[in-house]
C-alpha atoms as a PDB file:
ATOM      1  CA  UNK A   1      -3.905 -11.804 -20.172  1.00  0.00           C
ATOM      2  CA  UNK A   2      -5.881  -8.765 -21.251  1.00  0.00           C
ATOM      3  CA  UNK A   3      -5.175  -5.977 -18.792  1.00  0.00           C
ATOM      4  CA  UNK A   4      -8.354  -4.067 -17.994  1.00  0.00           C
ATOM      5  CA  UNK A   5      -7.483  -2.655 -14.581  1.00  0.00           C
ATOM      6  CA  UNK A   6      -4.478  -1.762 -12.462  1.00  0.00           C
ATOM      7  CA  UNK A   7      -4.706  -1.579  -8.674  1.00  0.00           C
ATOM      8  CA  UNK A   8      -2.065   0.238  -6.653  1.00  0.00           C
ATOM      9  CA  UNK A   9      -1.025   0.021  -3.046  1.00  0.00           C
ATOM     10  CA  UNK A  10      -0.192   3.450  -1.640  1.00  0.00           C
ATOM     11  CA  UNK A  11       2.738   3.376   0.765  1.00  0.00           C
ATOM     12  CA  UNK A  12       5.966   2.418  -0.984  1.00  0.00           C
ATOM     13  CA  UNK A  13       4.344   2.280  -4.417  1.00  0.00           C
ATOM     14  CA  UNK A  14       2.937   5.756  -5.069  1.00  0.00           C
ATOM     15  CA  UNK A  15       4.585   7.660  -2.243  1.00  0.00           C
ATOM     16  CA  UNK A  16       6.984   6.836   0.569  1.00  0.00           C
ATOM     17  CA  UNK A  17       5.012   7.483   3.724  1.00  0.00           C
ATOM     18  CA  UNK A  18       6.809   4.647   5.516  1.00  0.00           C
ATOM     19  CA  UNK A  19       9.247   7.186   6.982  1.00  0.00           C
ATOM     20  CA  UNK A  20       6.356   9.079   8.587  1.00  0.00           C
ATOM     21  CA  UNK A  21       4.779   5.876   9.915  1.00  0.00           C
ATOM     22  CA  UNK A  22       8.161   4.903  11.312  1.00  0.00           C
ATOM     23  CA  UNK A  23       8.675   8.214  13.115  1.00  0.00           C
ATOM     24  CA  UNK A  24       5.159   8.104  14.567  1.00  0.00           C
ATOM     25  CA  UNK A  25       5.417   4.462  15.686  1.00  0.00           C
ATOM     26  CA  UNK A  26       8.899   5.063  17.098  1.00  0.00           C
ATOM     27  CA  UNK A  27       7.605   7.959  19.195  1.00  0.00           C
ATOM     28  CA  UNK A  28       4.812   5.734  20.528  1.00  0.00           C
ATOM     29  CA  UNK A  29       7.175   2.820  21.223  1.00  0.00           C
ATOM     30  CA  UNK A  30       9.673   5.062  23.011  1.00  0.00           C
ATOM     31  CA  UNK A  31       6.857   6.300  25.226  1.00  0.00           C
ATOM     32  CA  UNK A  32       6.212   2.686  26.238  1.00  0.00           C
ATOM     33  CA  UNK A  33       9.893   1.962  26.797  1.00  0.00           C
ATOM     34  CA  UNK A  34      10.031  -0.344  23.756  1.00  0.00           C
ATOM     35  CA  UNK A  35      12.977  -0.280  21.347  1.00  0.00           C
ATOM     36  CA  UNK A  36      11.708   0.140  17.780  1.00  0.00           C
ATOM     37  CA  UNK A  37      14.151   0.092  14.872  1.00  0.00           C
ATOM     38  CA  UNK A  38      13.852   0.511  11.097  1.00  0.00           C
ATOM     39  CA  UNK A  39      14.210  -3.264  10.840  1.00  0.00           C
ATOM     40  CA  UNK A  40      11.200  -3.678  13.140  1.00  0.00           C
ATOM     41  CA  UNK A  41       9.307  -1.208  10.961  1.00  0.00           C
ATOM     42  CA  UNK A  42       9.551  -3.638   8.025  1.00  0.00           C
ATOM     43  CA  UNK A  43       7.186  -5.931   9.950  1.00  0.00           C
ATOM     44  CA  UNK A  44       4.468  -3.283   9.753  1.00  0.00           C
ATOM     45  CA  UNK A  45       4.415  -2.861   5.969  1.00  0.00           C
ATOM     46  CA  UNK A  46       0.970  -3.513   4.523  1.00  0.00           C
ATOM     47  CA  UNK A  47      -0.444  -4.181   7.992  1.00  0.00           C
ATOM     48  CA  UNK A  48      -3.422  -2.450   9.633  1.00  0.00           C
ATOM     49  CA  UNK A  49      -2.947   0.152  12.358  1.00  0.00           C
ATOM     50  CA  UNK A  50      -4.211  -2.043  15.206  1.00  0.00           C
ATOM     51  CA  UNK A  51      -2.178  -5.055  14.085  1.00  0.00           C
ATOM     52  CA  UNK A  52       0.890  -2.797  13.836  1.00  0.00           C
ATOM     53  CA  UNK A  53       0.347  -1.737  17.440  1.00  0.00           C
ATOM     54  CA  UNK A  54      -0.006  -5.377  18.490  1.00  0.00           C
ATOM     55  CA  UNK A  55       3.324  -6.184  16.808  1.00  0.00           C
ATOM     56  CA  UNK A  56       5.064  -3.358  18.691  1.00  0.00           C
ATOM     57  CA  UNK A  57       3.552  -4.515  21.980  1.00  0.00           C
ATOM     58  CA  UNK A  58       4.729  -8.064  21.221  1.00  0.00           C
ATOM     59  CA  UNK A  59       8.255  -6.727  20.612  1.00  0.00           C
ATOM     60  CA  UNK A  60       8.176  -5.237  24.096  1.00  0.00           C
ATOM     61  CA  UNK A  61       6.381  -8.189  25.725  1.00  0.00           C
ATOM     62  CA  UNK A  62       3.728  -5.670  26.750  1.00  0.00           C
ATOM     63  CA  UNK A  63       0.015  -6.293  27.253  1.00  0.00           C
ATOM     64  CA  UNK A  64      -2.567  -3.490  27.309  1.00  0.00           C
ATOM     65  CA  UNK A  65      -6.338  -3.307  27.628  1.00  0.00           C
ATOM     66  CA  UNK A  66      -8.295  -2.703  24.413  1.00  0.00           C
ATOM     67  CA  UNK A  67      -9.323   0.832  25.411  1.00  0.00           C
ATOM     68  CA  UNK A  68      -5.698   1.773  26.079  1.00  0.00           C
ATOM     69  CA  UNK A  69      -4.670   0.309  22.722  1.00  0.00           C
ATOM     70  CA  UNK A  70      -7.330   2.355  20.946  1.00  0.00           C
ATOM     71  CA  UNK A  71      -6.066   5.497  22.680  1.00  0.00           C
ATOM     72  CA  UNK A  72      -2.475   4.800  21.635  1.00  0.00           C
ATOM     73  CA  UNK A  73      -3.464   4.035  18.043  1.00  0.00           C
ATOM     74  CA  UNK A  74      -5.315   7.351  17.886  1.00  0.00           C
ATOM     75  CA  UNK A  75      -2.305   9.203  19.292  1.00  0.00           C
ATOM     76  CA  UNK A  76      -0.019   7.559  16.730  1.00  0.00           C
ATOM     77  CA  UNK A  77      -2.359   8.568  13.919  1.00  0.00           C
ATOM     78  CA  UNK A  78      -2.415  12.185  15.106  1.00  0.00           C
ATOM     79  CA  UNK A  79       1.390  12.321  14.965  1.00  0.00           C
ATOM     80  CA  UNK A  80       1.359  10.695  11.521  1.00  0.00           C
ATOM     81  CA  UNK A  81      -1.294  13.133  10.278  1.00  0.00           C
ATOM     82  CA  UNK A  82       0.841  16.065  11.394  1.00  0.00           C
ATOM     83  CA  UNK A  83       3.494  14.835   8.956  1.00  0.00           C
ATOM     84  CA  UNK A  84       1.299  14.022   5.953  1.00  0.00           C
ATOM     85  CA  UNK A  85      -0.652  17.267   6.192  1.00  0.00           C
ATOM     86  CA  UNK A  86       2.594  18.949   5.154  1.00  0.00           C
ATOM     87  CA  UNK A  87       3.217  16.641   2.176  1.00  0.00           C
ATOM     88  CA  UNK A  88       3.785  18.107  -1.280  1.00  0.00           C
ATOM     89  CA  UNK A  89       3.353  16.543  -4.719  1.00  0.00           C
ATOM     90  CA  UNK A  90       7.134  16.413  -5.174  1.00  0.00           C
ATOM     91  CA  UNK A  91       7.037  13.457  -2.757  1.00  0.00           C
ATOM     92  CA  UNK A  92       5.417  11.261  -5.411  1.00  0.00           C
ATOM     93  CA  UNK A  93       7.766   8.403  -6.277  1.00  0.00           C
ATOM     94  CA  UNK A  94       9.505   8.939  -9.644  1.00  0.00           C
ATOM     95  CA  UNK A  95       7.553   7.890 -12.723  1.00  0.00           C
ATOM     96  CA  UNK A  96       4.390   6.659 -11.007  1.00  0.00           C
ATOM     97  CA  UNK A  97       2.157   9.558 -12.033  1.00  0.00           C
ATOM     98  CA  UNK A  98       3.336   9.299 -15.638  1.00  0.00           C
ATOM     99  CA  UNK A  99       2.683   5.557 -15.668  1.00  0.00           C
ATOM    100  CA  UNK A 100      -0.849   5.949 -14.302  1.00  0.00           C
ATOM    101  CA  UNK A 101      -1.587   8.672 -16.852  1.00  0.00           C
ATOM    102  CA  UNK A 102      -0.303   6.413 -19.648  1.00  0.00           C
ATOM    103  CA  UNK A 103      -2.458   3.426 -18.716  1.00  0.00           C
ATOM    104  CA  UNK A 104      -5.522   5.628 -18.261  1.00  0.00           C
ATOM    105  CA  UNK A 105      -4.969   7.051 -21.735  1.00  0.00           C
ATOM    106  CA  UNK A 106      -5.011   3.469 -23.029  1.00  0.00           C
ATOM    107  CA  UNK A 107      -8.407   2.830 -21.445  1.00  0.00           C
ATOM    108  CA  UNK A 108      -7.204   0.879 -18.410  1.00  0.00           C
ATOM    109  CA  UNK A 109      -9.132   1.721 -15.246  1.00  0.00           C
ATOM    110  CA  UNK A 110      -7.259   2.424 -12.021  1.00  0.00           C
ATOM    111  CA  UNK A 111      -7.973   1.811  -8.343  1.00  0.00           C
ATOM    112  CA  UNK A 112      -6.168   2.341  -5.079  1.00  0.00           C
ATOM    113  CA  UNK A 113      -6.109  -0.607  -2.683  1.00  0.00           C
ATOM    114  CA  UNK A 114      -4.566   0.453   0.608  1.00  0.00           C
ATOM    115  CA  UNK A 115      -4.862  -0.401   4.292  1.00  0.00           C
ATOM    116  CA  UNK A 116      -4.321   3.275   5.098  1.00  0.00           C
ATOM    117  CA  UNK A 117      -7.287   5.125   6.585  1.00  0.00           C
ATOM    118  CA  UNK A 118      -5.625   8.364   5.467  1.00  0.00           C
ATOM    119  CA  UNK A 119      -5.315   7.399   1.797  1.00  0.00           C
ATOM    120  CA  UNK A 120      -7.733  10.020   0.471  1.00  0.00           C
ATOM    121  CA  UNK A 121      -5.991  12.802   2.384  1.00  0.00           C
ATOM    122  CA  UNK A 122      -2.613  11.699   1.010  1.00  0.00           C
ATOM    123  CA  UNK A 123      -3.902  11.557  -2.586  1.00  0.00           C
ATOM    124  CA  UNK A 124      -5.407  15.011  -2.118  1.00  0.00           C
ATOM    125  CA  UNK A 125      -2.111  16.386  -0.772  1.00  0.00           C
ATOM    126  CA  UNK A 126      -0.333  14.915  -3.795  1.00  0.00           C
ATOM    127  CA  UNK A 127      -2.946  16.312  -6.226  1.00  0.00           C
ATOM    128  CA  UNK A 128      -3.597  12.917  -7.848  1.00  0.00           C
ATOM    129  CA  UNK A 129      -6.985  11.968  -6.414  1.00  0.00           C
ATOM    130  CA  UNK A 130      -8.632  12.416  -9.830  1.00  0.00           C
ATOM    131  CA  UNK A 131      -6.367   9.756 -11.389  1.00  0.00           C
ATOM    132  CA  UNK A 132      -8.210   6.957  -9.565  1.00  0.00           C
ATOM    133  CA  UNK A 133     -11.519   5.550 -10.747  1.00  0.00           C
ATOM    134  CA  UNK A 134     -12.004   3.880  -7.364  1.00  0.00           C
ATOM    135  CA  UNK A 135     -10.407   4.284  -3.941  1.00  0.00           C
ATOM    136  CA  UNK A 136     -10.612   1.396  -1.493  1.00  0.00           C
ATOM    137  CA  UNK A 137      -8.884   2.204   1.790  1.00  0.00           C
ATOM    138  CA  UNK A 138      -8.800   1.172   5.428  1.00  0.00           C
ATOM    139  CA  UNK A 139     -12.168   2.800   6.051  1.00  0.00           C
ATOM    140  CA  UNK A 140     -13.880   0.399   3.638  1.00  0.00           C
ATOM    141  CA  UNK A 141     -12.348  -2.956   4.533  1.00  0.00           C
ATOM    142  CA  UNK A 142     -12.427  -5.076   7.669  1.00  0.00           C
ATOM    143  CA  UNK A 143      -9.767  -7.648   6.782  1.00  0.00           C
ATOM    144  CA  UNK A 144      -6.086  -6.792   6.512  1.00  0.00           C
ATOM    145  CA  UNK A 145      -3.772  -8.036   3.780  1.00  0.00           C
ATOM    146  CA  UNK A 146      -2.928 -10.862   2.993  1.00  0.00           C
ATOM    147  CA  UNK A 147      -6.712 -11.216   2.922  1.00  0.00           C
ATOM    148  CA  UNK A 148      -7.755 -10.227  -0.634  1.00  0.00           C
ATOM    149  CA  UNK A 149     -10.732  -8.096   0.458  1.00  0.00           C
ATOM    150  CA  UNK A 150      -9.229  -4.722  -0.492  1.00  0.00           C
ATOM    151  CA  UNK A 151      -8.364  -5.853  -4.038  1.00  0.00           C
ATOM    152  CA  UNK A 152     -11.601  -7.762  -4.576  1.00  0.00           C
ATOM    153  CA  UNK A 153     -13.539  -4.645  -3.576  1.00  0.00           C
ATOM    154  CA  UNK A 154     -11.385  -2.613  -5.956  1.00  0.00           C
ATOM    155  CA  UNK A 155     -12.167  -4.950  -8.851  1.00  0.00           C
ATOM    156  CA  UNK A 156     -15.846  -4.848  -7.961  1.00  0.00           C
ATOM    157  CA  UNK A 157     -15.851  -1.041  -7.887  1.00  0.00           C
ATOM    158  CA  UNK A 158     -14.146  -0.997 -11.298  1.00  0.00           C
ATOM    159  CA  UNK A 159     -16.527  -3.687 -12.600  1.00  0.00           C
ATOM    160  CA  UNK A 160     -13.602  -5.810 -13.781  1.00  0.00           C
ATOM    161  CA  UNK A 161     -12.944  -9.502 -13.154  1.00  0.00           C
ATOM    162  CA  UNK A 162      -9.930 -10.470 -11.045  1.00  0.00           C
ATOM    163  CA  UNK A 163      -8.173 -12.273 -13.899  1.00  0.00           C
ATOM    164  CA  UNK A 164      -7.981  -8.983 -15.835  1.00  0.00           C
ATOM    165  CA  UNK A 165      -6.401  -7.041 -12.944  1.00  0.00           C
ATOM    166  CA  UNK A 166      -2.762  -6.251 -12.197  1.00  0.00           C
ATOM    167  CA  UNK A 167      -1.747  -5.224  -8.676  1.00  0.00           C
ATOM    168  CA  UNK A 168       1.336  -3.153  -7.816  1.00  0.00           C
ATOM    169  CA  UNK A 169       2.613  -3.890  -4.313  1.00  0.00           C
ATOM    170  CA  UNK A 170       5.747  -3.336  -2.233  1.00  0.00           C
ATOM    171  CA  UNK A 171       4.909  -5.602   0.723  1.00  0.00           C
ATOM    172  CA  UNK A 172       4.886  -9.372   1.133  1.00  0.00           C
ATOM    173  CA  UNK A 173       1.397  -9.300   2.648  1.00  0.00           C
ATOM    174  CA  UNK A 174       0.164  -7.202  -0.288  1.00  0.00           C
ATOM    175  CA  UNK A 175       1.619  -9.604  -2.861  1.00  0.00           C
ATOM    176  CA  UNK A 176      -0.090 -12.480  -1.056  1.00  0.00           C
ATOM    177  CA  UNK A 177      -3.370 -10.533  -1.033  1.00  0.00           C
ATOM    178  CA  UNK A 178      -3.142  -9.986  -4.794  1.00  0.00           C
ATOM    179  CA  UNK A 179      -2.458 -13.673  -5.436  1.00  0.00           C
ATOM    180  CA  UNK A 180      -5.284 -14.642  -3.074  1.00  0.00           C
ATOM    181  CA  UNK A 181      -7.568 -12.415  -5.161  1.00  0.00           C
ATOM    182  CA  UNK A 182      -6.558 -14.274  -8.324  1.00  0.00           C
ATOM    183  CA  UNK A 183      -4.759 -11.249  -9.756  1.00  0.00           C
ATOM    184  CA  UNK A 184      -1.380 -10.787 -11.398  1.00  0.00           C
ATOM    185  CA  UNK A 185       1.073  -8.897  -9.220  1.00  0.00           C
ATOM    186  CA  UNK A 186       4.068  -6.688  -9.951  1.00  0.00           C
ATOM    187  CA  UNK A 187       6.307  -6.192  -6.934  1.00  0.00           C
ATOM    188  CA  UNK A 188       7.840  -2.748  -6.454  1.00  0.00           C
ATOM    189  CA  UNK A 189      11.136  -2.874  -4.580  1.00  0.00           C
ATOM    190  CA  UNK A 190      13.690  -5.534  -3.711  1.00  0.00           C
ATOM    191  CA  UNK A 191      13.233  -8.887  -5.537  1.00  0.00           C
ATOM    192  CA  UNK A 192      14.582 -10.721  -2.459  1.00  0.00           C
ATOM    193  CA  UNK A 193      11.594  -9.536  -0.438  1.00  0.00           C
ATOM    194  CA  UNK A 194       8.991  -9.969  -3.187  1.00  0.00           C
ATOM    195  CA  UNK A 195       9.776 -13.385  -4.626  1.00  0.00           C
ATOM    196  CA  UNK A 196       6.089 -14.373  -4.798  1.00  0.00           C
ATOM    197  CA  UNK A 197       5.279 -11.540  -7.232  1.00  0.00           C
ATOM    198  CA  UNK A 198       4.997 -12.390 -10.936  1.00  0.00           C
ATOM    199  CA  UNK A 199       7.682  -9.823 -11.727  1.00  0.00           C
ATOM    200  CA  UNK A 200       9.522  -7.170  -9.706  1.00  0.00           C
ATOM    201  CA  UNK A 201      10.496  -3.638 -10.709  1.00  0.00           C
ATOM    202  CA  UNK A 202      12.709  -1.270  -8.738  1.00  0.00           C
ATOM    203  CA  UNK A 203      10.354   1.631  -9.440  1.00  0.00           C
ATOM    204  CA  UNK A 204       8.231   3.272 -12.123  1.00  0.00           C
ATOM    205  CA  UNK A 205      10.848   5.559 -13.625  1.00  0.00           C
ATOM    206  CA  UNK A 206      11.085   4.541 -17.285  1.00  0.00           C
ATOM    207  CA  UNK A 207       8.479   1.789 -16.816  1.00  0.00           C
ATOM    208  CA  UNK A 208       5.630   1.691 -19.332  1.00  0.00           C
ATOM    209  CA  UNK A 209       2.605  -0.314 -20.431  1.00  0.00           C
ATOM    210  CA  UNK A 210       4.543  -2.172 -23.122  1.00  0.00           C
ATOM    211  CA  UNK A 211       7.006  -3.455 -20.521  1.00  0.00           C
ATOM    212  CA  UNK A 212       4.126  -4.471 -18.265  1.00  0.00           C
ATOM    213  CA  UNK A 213       2.510  -6.463 -21.064  1.00  0.00           C
ATOM    214  CA  UNK A 214       5.856  -8.142 -21.820  1.00  0.00           C
ATOM    215  CA  UNK A 215       6.299  -9.070 -18.153  1.00  0.00           C
ATOM    216  CA  UNK A 216       2.911 -10.699 -18.022  1.00  0.00           C
ATOM    217  CA  UNK A 217       3.333 -12.541 -21.329  1.00  0.00           C
ATOM    218  CA  UNK A 218       6.648 -13.905 -20.029  1.00  0.00           C
ATOM    219  CA  UNK A 219       4.804 -15.120 -16.919  1.00  0.00           C
ATOM    220  CA  UNK A 220       2.319 -17.009 -19.060  1.00  0.00           C
END
């Protein structure tokens, strides 16, 4: 395939904000008397805020009215924001900025495709907002991954067809979303959890465009 665009998930791919989500969700769950572990937190990866809350409530066999759920989701986000507003650019995952700069220098356009409604704030805190030609976040989509909406909107914003796009994802739902969009997908993380991806890398340190092209030619 000819690579014309790369689309990146945010959490777990560009920066590890999962720890901040976990702390915020844990505080909320504790307030409801629900046990919430790091293992439970894996269920929330790549999932929207309201669906994440529903999962926690299901773990505790708890039912709440919609207005109460909205209030709790807002409270969780305020706690999360208090963490990310203190983020520094040294929290970028190793090698990812260098990789994005390399592909941009080769004429490949770049988009963010994230369920996070705080994506722009995070990119601003990390001083990398200008590296993205398009930013599609939770404020611009109505369907959560594995629905392909976020990646299809990214391709549309970049004016590139799906078959020329490569997605980088760390979550099962995100890999499924990429495949549902008709895009190639590189998993970032543990191969055991990302078996549906075309290839899996442990991270971006030492990873380059030549390796990406080799991965995709091997796939074909």
